[in-house]
């Protein structure tokens, strides 16, 4: 299962931390095109985040055309 890296004491907004964590994991090869991301509900419960925060992160554009798709489980799709 995918492990998101959040820093509780970091002043960066949580939605941006989510985006940064996913981008770093794409760059490191931890996540690849077609991999499942945690659902909005899973991520919000696991990290004690508001659903709106996770939804905002998943709506943010990502490099190389990768983005969150669908309900339930997220999928990375696009140009990798």
PDB file of N, CA and C in Angstrom:
ATOM      1  N   UNK A   1       0.833  -1.181   0.000  1.00  0.00           N
ATOM      2  CA  UNK A   1       0.000   0.000   0.000  1.00  0.00           C
ATOM      3  C   UNK A   1       0.885   1.255   0.000  1.00  0.00           C
ATOM      4  N   UNK A   2       0.437   2.273  -0.685  1.00  0.00           N
ATOM      5  CA  UNK A   2       1.190   3.513  -0.828  1.00  0.00           C
ATOM      6  C   UNK A   2       1.248   4.271   0.491  1.00  0.00           C
ATOM      7  N   UNK A   3       2.438   4.748   0.840  1.00  0.00           N
ATOM      8  CA  UNK A   3       2.633   5.509   2.073  1.00  0.00           C
ATOM      9  C   UNK A   3       2.937   6.966   1.745  1.00  0.00           C
ATOM     10  N   UNK A   4       2.029   7.821   2.048  1.00  0.00           N
ATOM     11  CA  UNK A   4       2.172   9.257   1.848  1.00  0.00           C
ATOM     12  C   UNK A   4       3.087   9.836   2.925  1.00  0.00           C
ATOM     13  N   UNK A   5       3.952  10.776   2.537  1.00  0.00           N
ATOM     14  CA  UNK A   5       4.868  11.401   3.480  1.00  0.00           C
ATOM     15  C   UNK A   5       4.381  12.809   3.815  1.00  0.00           C
ATOM     16  N   UNK A   6       3.870  12.991   5.026  1.00  0.00           N
ATOM     17  CA  UNK A   6       3.445  14.314   5.499  1.00  0.00           C
ATOM     18  C   UNK A   6       4.280  14.702   6.709  1.00  0.00           C
ATOM     19  N   UNK A   7       4.554  15.997   6.817  1.00  0.00           N
ATOM     20  CA  UNK A   7       5.322  16.520   7.953  1.00  0.00           C
ATOM     21  C   UNK A   7       4.391  17.391   8.786  1.00  0.00           C
ATOM     22  N   UNK A   8       3.954  16.889   9.929  1.00  0.00           N
ATOM     23  CA  UNK A   8       2.975  17.612  10.744  1.00  0.00           C
ATOM     24  C   UNK A   8       3.410  19.013  11.169  1.00  0.00           C
ATOM     25  N   UNK A   9       4.696  19.234  11.388  1.00  0.00           N
ATOM     26  CA  UNK A   9       5.172  20.532  11.855  1.00  0.00           C
ATOM     27  C   UNK A   9       5.508  21.494  10.720  1.00  0.00           C
ATOM     28  N   UNK A  10       5.477  21.014   9.481  1.00  0.00           N
ATOM     29  CA  UNK A  10       5.754  21.859   8.315  1.00  0.00           C
ATOM     30  C   UNK A  10       4.617  22.856   8.127  1.00  0.00           C
ATOM     31  N   UNK A  11       4.958  24.106   7.836  1.00  0.00           N
ATOM     32  CA  UNK A  11       3.936  25.136   7.652  1.00  0.00           C
ATOM     33  C   UNK A  11       3.329  25.123   6.251  1.00  0.00           C
ATOM     34  N   UNK A  12       3.863  24.293   5.366  1.00  0.00           N
ATOM     35  CA  UNK A  12       3.286  24.140   4.032  1.00  0.00           C
ATOM     36  C   UNK A  12       1.896  23.548   4.175  1.00  0.00           C
ATOM     37  N   UNK A  13       0.892  24.095   3.466  1.00  0.00           N
ATOM     38  CA  UNK A  13      -0.458  23.531   3.569  1.00  0.00           C
ATOM     39  C   UNK A  13      -0.462  22.027   3.266  1.00  0.00           C
ATOM     40  N   UNK A  14      -1.310  21.301   3.973  1.00  0.00           N
ATOM     41  CA  UNK A  14      -1.347  19.837   3.837  1.00  0.00           C
ATOM     42  C   UNK A  14      -1.639  19.398   2.402  1.00  0.00           C
ATOM     43  N   UNK A  15      -2.522  20.116   1.693  1.00  0.00           N
ATOM     44  CA  UNK A  15      -2.823  19.693   0.324  1.00  0.00           C
ATOM     45  C   UNK A  15      -1.580  19.796  -0.558  1.00  0.00           C
ATOM     46  N   UNK A  16      -0.736  20.802  -0.309  1.00  0.00           N
ATOM     47  CA  UNK A  16       0.498  20.930  -1.076  1.00  0.00           C
ATOM     48  C   UNK A  16       1.498  19.850  -0.687  1.00  0.00           C
ATOM     49  N   UNK A  17       1.514  19.469   0.591  1.00  0.00           N
ATOM     50  CA  UNK A  17       2.388  18.377   1.026  1.00  0.00           C
ATOM     51  C   UNK A  17       2.002  17.072   0.351  1.00  0.00           C
ATOM     52  N   UNK A  18       0.702  16.843   0.184  1.00  0.00           N
ATOM     53  CA  UNK A  18       0.236  15.634  -0.500  1.00  0.00           C
ATOM     54  C   UNK A  18       0.748  15.639  -1.937  1.00  0.00           C
ATOM     55  N   UNK A  19       0.553  16.760  -2.622  1.00  0.00           N
ATOM     56  CA  UNK A  19       1.005  16.879  -4.014  1.00  0.00           C
ATOM     57  C   UNK A  19       2.512  16.666  -4.102  1.00  0.00           C
ATOM     58  N   UNK A  20       3.273  17.320  -3.220  1.00  0.00           N
ATOM     59  CA  UNK A  20       4.726  17.194  -3.233  1.00  0.00           C
ATOM     60  C   UNK A  20       5.171  15.752  -2.982  1.00  0.00           C
ATOM     61  N   UNK A  21       4.500  15.075  -2.064  1.00  0.00           N
ATOM     62  CA  UNK A  21       4.840  13.685  -1.755  1.00  0.00           C
ATOM     63  C   UNK A  21       4.611  12.788  -2.967  1.00  0.00           C
ATOM     64  N   UNK A  22       3.479  12.968  -3.641  1.00  0.00           N
ATOM     65  CA  UNK A  22       3.173  12.156  -4.827  1.00  0.00           C
ATOM     66  C   UNK A  22       4.182  12.448  -5.931  1.00  0.00           C
ATOM     67  N   UNK A  23       4.486  13.725  -6.172  1.00  0.00           N
ATOM     68  CA  UNK A  23       5.451  14.088  -7.215  1.00  0.00           C
ATOM     69  C   UNK A  23       6.822  13.483  -6.918  1.00  0.00           C
ATOM     70  N   UNK A  24       7.274  13.580  -5.662  1.00  0.00           N
ATOM     71  CA  UNK A  24       8.568  12.994  -5.292  1.00  0.00           C
ATOM     72  C   UNK A  24       8.578  11.492  -5.539  1.00  0.00           C
ATOM     73  N   UNK A  25       7.476  10.825  -5.204  1.00  0.00           N
ATOM     74  CA  UNK A  25       7.420   9.380  -5.393  1.00  0.00           C
ATOM     75  C   UNK A  25       7.346   8.994  -6.874  1.00  0.00           C
ATOM     76  N   UNK A  26       6.760   9.843  -7.699  1.00  0.00           N
ATOM     77  CA  UNK A  26       6.779   9.614  -9.150  1.00  0.00           C
ATOM     78  C   UNK A  26       8.213   9.736  -9.648  1.00  0.00           C
ATOM     79  N   UNK A  27       8.888  10.800  -9.233  1.00  0.00           N
ATOM     80  CA  UNK A  27      10.268  11.033  -9.667  1.00  0.00           C
ATOM     81  C   UNK A  27      11.211   9.931  -9.206  1.00  0.00           C
ATOM     82  N   UNK A  28      10.967   9.374  -8.029  1.00  0.00           N
ATOM     83  CA  UNK A  28      11.814   8.298  -7.491  1.00  0.00           C
ATOM     84  C   UNK A  28      11.447   6.927  -8.049  1.00  0.00           C
ATOM     85  N   UNK A  29      10.337   6.858  -8.784  1.00  0.00           N
ATOM     86  CA  UNK A  29       9.913   5.582  -9.352  1.00  0.00           C
ATOM     87  C   UNK A  29       9.084   4.727  -8.412  1.00  0.00           C
ATOM     88  N   UNK A  30       8.716   5.279  -7.253  1.00  0.00           N
ATOM     89  CA  UNK A  30       7.869   4.548  -6.310  1.00  0.00           C
ATOM     90  C   UNK A  30       6.461   4.406  -6.881  1.00  0.00           C
ATOM     91  N   UNK A  31       5.983   5.470  -7.550  1.00  0.00           N
ATOM     92  CA  UNK A  31       4.679   5.452  -8.221  1.00  0.00           C
ATOM     93  C   UNK A  31       4.896   5.503  -9.722  1.00  0.00           C
ATOM     94  N   UNK A  32       4.101   4.716 -10.448  1.00  0.00           N
ATOM     95  CA  UNK A  32       4.183   4.678 -11.902  1.00  0.00           C
ATOM     96  C   UNK A  32       2.792   4.849 -12.495  1.00  0.00           C
ATOM     97  N   UNK A  33       2.747   5.141 -13.787  1.00  0.00           N
ATOM     98  CA  UNK A  33       1.482   5.271 -14.501  1.00  0.00           C
ATOM     99  C   UNK A  33       0.619   4.036 -14.246  1.00  0.00           C
ATOM    100  N   UNK A  34      -0.627   4.275 -13.862  1.00  0.00           N
ATOM    101  CA  UNK A  34      -1.561   3.181 -13.601  1.00  0.00           C
ATOM    102  C   UNK A  34      -1.593   2.709 -12.158  1.00  0.00           C
ATOM    103  N   UNK A  35      -0.650   3.171 -11.335  1.00  0.00           N
ATOM    104  CA  UNK A  35      -0.648   2.790  -9.914  1.00  0.00           C
ATOM    105  C   UNK A  35      -1.857   3.395  -9.210  1.00  0.00           C
ATOM    106  N   UNK A  36      -2.322   2.694  -8.213  1.00  0.00           N
ATOM    107  CA  UNK A  36      -3.440   3.176  -7.400  1.00  0.00           C
ATOM    108  C   UNK A  36      -2.929   4.106  -6.303  1.00  0.00           C
ATOM    109  N   UNK A  37      -3.644   5.213  -6.141  1.00  0.00           N
ATOM    110  CA  UNK A  37      -3.434   6.087  -4.990  1.00  0.00           C
ATOM    111  C   UNK A  37      -4.520   5.757  -3.975  1.00  0.00           C
ATOM    112  N   UNK A  38      -4.301   6.084  -2.714  1.00  0.00           N
ATOM    113  CA  UNK A  38      -5.374   5.870  -1.735  1.00  0.00           C
ATOM    114  C   UNK A  38      -6.604   6.693  -2.119  1.00  0.00           C
ATOM    115  N   UNK A  39      -7.769   6.198  -1.773  1.00  0.00           N
ATOM    116  CA  UNK A  39      -8.987   6.967  -2.016  1.00  0.00           C
ATOM    117  C   UNK A  39      -8.977   8.198  -1.126  1.00  0.00           C
ATOM    118  N   UNK A  40      -9.829   9.148  -1.445  1.00  0.00           N
ATOM    119  CA  UNK A  40      -9.951  10.357  -0.643  1.00  0.00           C
ATOM    120  C   UNK A  40     -10.303   9.990   0.797  1.00  0.00           C
ATOM    121  N   UNK A  41     -11.232   9.079   0.962  1.00  0.00           N
ATOM    122  CA  UNK A  41     -11.642   8.660   2.315  1.00  0.00           C
ATOM    123  C   UNK A  41     -10.495   7.996   3.067  1.00  0.00           C
ATOM    124  N   UNK A  42      -9.791   7.082   2.405  1.00  0.00           N
ATOM    125  CA  UNK A  42      -8.673   6.385   3.056  1.00  0.00           C
ATOM    126  C   UNK A  42      -7.602   7.371   3.517  1.00  0.00           C
ATOM    127  N   UNK A  43      -7.241   8.275   2.626  1.00  0.00           N
ATOM    128  CA  UNK A  43      -6.186   9.228   2.949  1.00  0.00           C
ATOM    129  C   UNK A  43      -6.610  10.160   4.077  1.00  0.00           C
ATOM    130  N   UNK A  44      -7.857  10.609   4.045  1.00  0.00           N
ATOM    131  CA  UNK A  44      -8.319  11.525   5.093  1.00  0.00           C
ATOM    132  C   UNK A  44      -8.364  10.834   6.451  1.00  0.00           C
ATOM    133  N   UNK A  45      -8.809   9.595   6.492  1.00  0.00           N
ATOM    134  CA  UNK A  45      -8.872   8.860   7.758  1.00  0.00           C
ATOM    135  C   UNK A  45      -7.472   8.520   8.264  1.00  0.00           C
ATOM    136  N   UNK A  46      -6.628   7.997   7.382  1.00  0.00           N
ATOM    137  CA  UNK A  46      -5.290   7.552   7.779  1.00  0.00           C
ATOM    138  C   UNK A  46      -4.428   8.703   8.317  1.00  0.00           C
ATOM    139  N   UNK A  47      -4.578   9.889   7.736  1.00  0.00           N
ATOM    140  CA  UNK A  47      -3.728  11.017   8.120  1.00  0.00           C
ATOM    141  C   UNK A  47      -4.481  12.117   8.877  1.00  0.00           C
ATOM    142  N   UNK A  48      -5.703  11.816   9.296  1.00  0.00           N
ATOM    143  CA  UNK A  48      -6.522  12.771  10.057  1.00  0.00           C
ATOM    144  C   UNK A  48      -6.657  14.111   9.310  1.00  0.00           C
ATOM    145  N   UNK A  49      -7.009  14.018   8.035  1.00  0.00           N
ATOM    146  CA  UNK A  49      -7.168  15.196   7.187  1.00  0.00           C
ATOM    147  C   UNK A  49      -8.629  15.367   6.803  1.00  0.00           C
ATOM    148  N   UNK A  50      -9.021  16.604   6.565  1.00  0.00           N
ATOM    149  CA  UNK A  50     -10.369  16.855   6.054  1.00  0.00           C
ATOM    150  C   UNK A  50     -10.455  16.321   4.621  1.00  0.00           C
ATOM    151  N   UNK A  51     -11.613  15.766   4.274  1.00  0.00           N
ATOM    152  CA  UNK A  51     -11.809  15.266   2.897  1.00  0.00           C
ATOM    153  C   UNK A  51     -11.549  16.364   1.877  1.00  0.00           C
ATOM    154  N   UNK A  52     -11.953  17.595   2.194  1.00  0.00           N
ATOM    155  CA  UNK A  52     -11.741  18.722   1.285  1.00  0.00           C
ATOM    156  C   UNK A  52     -10.252  18.941   0.998  1.00  0.00           C
ATOM    157  N   UNK A  53      -9.413  18.719   1.997  1.00  0.00           N
ATOM    158  CA  UNK A  53      -7.967  18.880   1.820  1.00  0.00           C
ATOM    159  C   UNK A  53      -7.435  17.871   0.813  1.00  0.00           C
ATOM    160  N   UNK A  54      -7.846  16.620   0.953  1.00  0.00           N
ATOM    161  CA  UNK A  54      -7.394  15.566   0.038  1.00  0.00           C
ATOM    162  C   UNK A  54      -7.960  15.808  -1.361  1.00  0.00           C
ATOM    163  N   UNK A  55      -9.226  16.185  -1.441  1.00  0.00           N
ATOM    164  CA  UNK A  55      -9.831  16.471  -2.743  1.00  0.00           C
ATOM    165  C   UNK A  55      -9.086  17.604  -3.445  1.00  0.00           C
ATOM    166  N   UNK A  56      -8.733  18.634  -2.702  1.00  0.00           N
ATOM    167  CA  UNK A  56      -8.004  19.768  -3.280  1.00  0.00           C
ATOM    168  C   UNK A  56      -6.648  19.301  -3.816  1.00  0.00           C
ATOM    169  N   UNK A  57      -5.973  18.457  -3.076  1.00  0.00           N
ATOM    170  CA  UNK A  57      -4.678  17.931  -3.525  1.00  0.00           C
ATOM    171  C   UNK A  57      -4.838  17.111  -4.799  1.00  0.00           C
ATOM    172  N   UNK A  58      -5.861  16.283  -4.850  1.00  0.00           N
ATOM    173  CA  UNK A  58      -6.071  15.421  -6.012  1.00  0.00           C
ATOM    174  C   UNK A  58      -6.528  16.201  -7.241  1.00  0.00           C
ATOM    175  N   UNK A  59      -7.025  17.425  -7.047  1.00  0.00           N
ATOM    176  CA  UNK A  59      -7.423  18.263  -8.181  1.00  0.00           C
ATOM    177  C   UNK A  59      -6.253  19.065  -8.741  1.00  0.00           C
ATOM    178  N   UNK A  60      -5.161  19.169  -7.980  1.00  0.00           N
ATOM    179  CA  UNK A  60      -3.998  19.934  -8.424  1.00  0.00           C
ATOM    180  C   UNK A  60      -3.367  19.271  -9.649  1.00  0.00           C
ATOM    181  N   UNK A  61      -2.937  20.078 -10.634  1.00  0.00           N
ATOM    182  CA  UNK A  61      -2.250  19.493 -11.789  1.00  0.00           C
ATOM    183  C   UNK A  61      -0.905  18.914 -11.374  1.00  0.00           C
ATOM    184  N   UNK A  62      -0.520  17.841 -12.004  1.00  0.00           N
ATOM    185  CA  UNK A  62       0.759  17.194 -11.714  1.00  0.00           C
ATOM    186  C   UNK A  62       1.624  17.194 -12.976  1.00  0.00           C
ATOM    187  N   UNK A  63       2.919  17.004 -12.822  1.00  0.00           N
ATOM    188  CA  UNK A  63       3.802  17.006 -13.986  1.00  0.00           C
ATOM    189  C   UNK A  63       3.512  15.841 -14.927  1.00  0.00           C
ATOM    190  N   UNK A  64       3.888  16.008 -16.157  1.00  0.00           N
ATOM    191  CA  UNK A  64       3.805  14.956 -17.181  1.00  0.00           C
ATOM    192  C   UNK A  64       2.383  14.461 -17.391  1.00  0.00           C
ATOM    193  N   UNK A  65       1.393  15.290 -17.091  1.00  0.00           N
ATOM    194  CA  UNK A  65       0.010  14.915 -17.354  1.00  0.00           C
ATOM    195  C   UNK A  65      -0.556  13.880 -16.398  1.00  0.00           C
ATOM    196  N   UNK A  66       0.128  13.598 -15.309  1.00  0.00           N
ATOM    197  CA  UNK A  66      -0.376  12.642 -14.332  1.00  0.00           C
ATOM    198  C   UNK A  66      -1.447  13.312 -13.498  1.00  0.00           C
ATOM    199  N   UNK A  67      -2.500  12.580 -13.176  1.00  0.00           N
ATOM    200  CA  UNK A  67      -3.557  13.152 -12.362  1.00  0.00           C
ATOM    201  C   UNK A  67      -4.403  12.060 -11.727  1.00  0.00           C
ATOM    202  N   UNK A  68      -5.138  12.454 -10.713  1.00  0.00           N
ATOM    203  CA  UNK A  68      -6.058  11.568 -10.011  1.00  0.00           C
ATOM    204  C   UNK A  68      -7.294  11.376 -10.874  1.00  0.00           C
ATOM    205  N   UNK A  69      -7.750  10.140 -10.956  1.00  0.00           N
ATOM    206  CA  UNK A  69      -8.908   9.837 -11.797  1.00  0.00           C
ATOM    207  C   UNK A  69      -9.933   9.041 -10.999  1.00  0.00           C
ATOM    208  N   UNK A  70     -11.186   9.418 -11.143  1.00  0.00           N
ATOM    209  CA  UNK A  70     -12.275   8.587 -10.668  1.00  0.00           C
ATOM    210  C   UNK A  70     -12.553   8.647  -9.182  1.00  0.00           C
ATOM    211  N   UNK A  71     -13.515   7.844  -8.772  1.00  0.00           N
ATOM    212  CA  UNK A  71     -13.889   7.758  -7.374  1.00  0.00           C
ATOM    213  C   UNK A  71     -13.336   6.466  -6.799  1.00  0.00           C
ATOM    214  N   UNK A  72     -13.377   6.355  -5.514  1.00  0.00           N
ATOM    215  CA  UNK A  72     -12.819   5.161  -4.880  1.00  0.00           C
ATOM    216  C   UNK A  72     -11.311   5.263  -4.868  1.00  0.00           C
ATOM    217  N   UNK A  73     -10.664   4.452  -5.643  1.00  0.00           N
ATOM    218  CA  UNK A  73      -9.202   4.469  -5.722  1.00  0.00           C
ATOM    219  C   UNK A  73      -8.763   5.452  -6.783  1.00  0.00           C
ATOM    220  N   UNK A  74      -7.733   6.206  -6.484  1.00  0.00           N
ATOM    221  CA  UNK A  74      -7.180   7.099  -7.486  1.00  0.00           C
ATOM    222  C   UNK A  74      -6.232   6.326  -8.391  1.00  0.00           C
ATOM    223  N   UNK A  75      -6.096   6.771  -9.605  1.00  0.00           N
ATOM    224  CA  UNK A  75      -5.145   6.172 -10.539  1.00  0.00           C
ATOM    225  C   UNK A  75      -4.277   7.269 -11.113  1.00  0.00           C
ATOM    226  N   UNK A  76      -3.018   6.963 -11.308  1.00  0.00           N
ATOM    227  CA  UNK A  76      -2.150   7.885 -12.009  1.00  0.00           C
ATOM    228  C   UNK A  76      -2.272   7.558 -13.488  1.00  0.00           C
ATOM    229  N   UNK A  77      -2.505   8.569 -14.282  1.00  0.00           N
ATOM    230  CA  UNK A  77      -2.579   8.372 -15.732  1.00  0.00           C
ATOM    231  C   UNK A  77      -1.815   9.476 -16.413  1.00  0.00           C
ATOM    232  N   UNK A  78      -1.374   9.222 -17.609  1.00  0.00           N
ATOM    233  CA  UNK A  78      -0.768  10.294 -18.376  1.00  0.00           C
ATOM    234  C   UNK A  78       0.562   9.913 -18.969  1.00  0.00           C
ATOM    235  N   UNK A  79       1.423  10.909 -19.080  1.00  0.00           N
ATOM    236  CA  UNK A  79       2.588  10.814 -19.927  1.00  0.00           C
ATOM    237  C   UNK A  79       3.810  10.147 -19.386  1.00  0.00           C
ATOM    238  N   UNK A  80       3.725   9.141 -18.537  1.00  0.00           N
ATOM    239  CA  UNK A  80       4.951   8.463 -18.118  1.00  0.00           C
ATOM    240  C   UNK A  80       4.986   7.065 -18.624  1.00  0.00           C
TER     241      UNK A  80
END
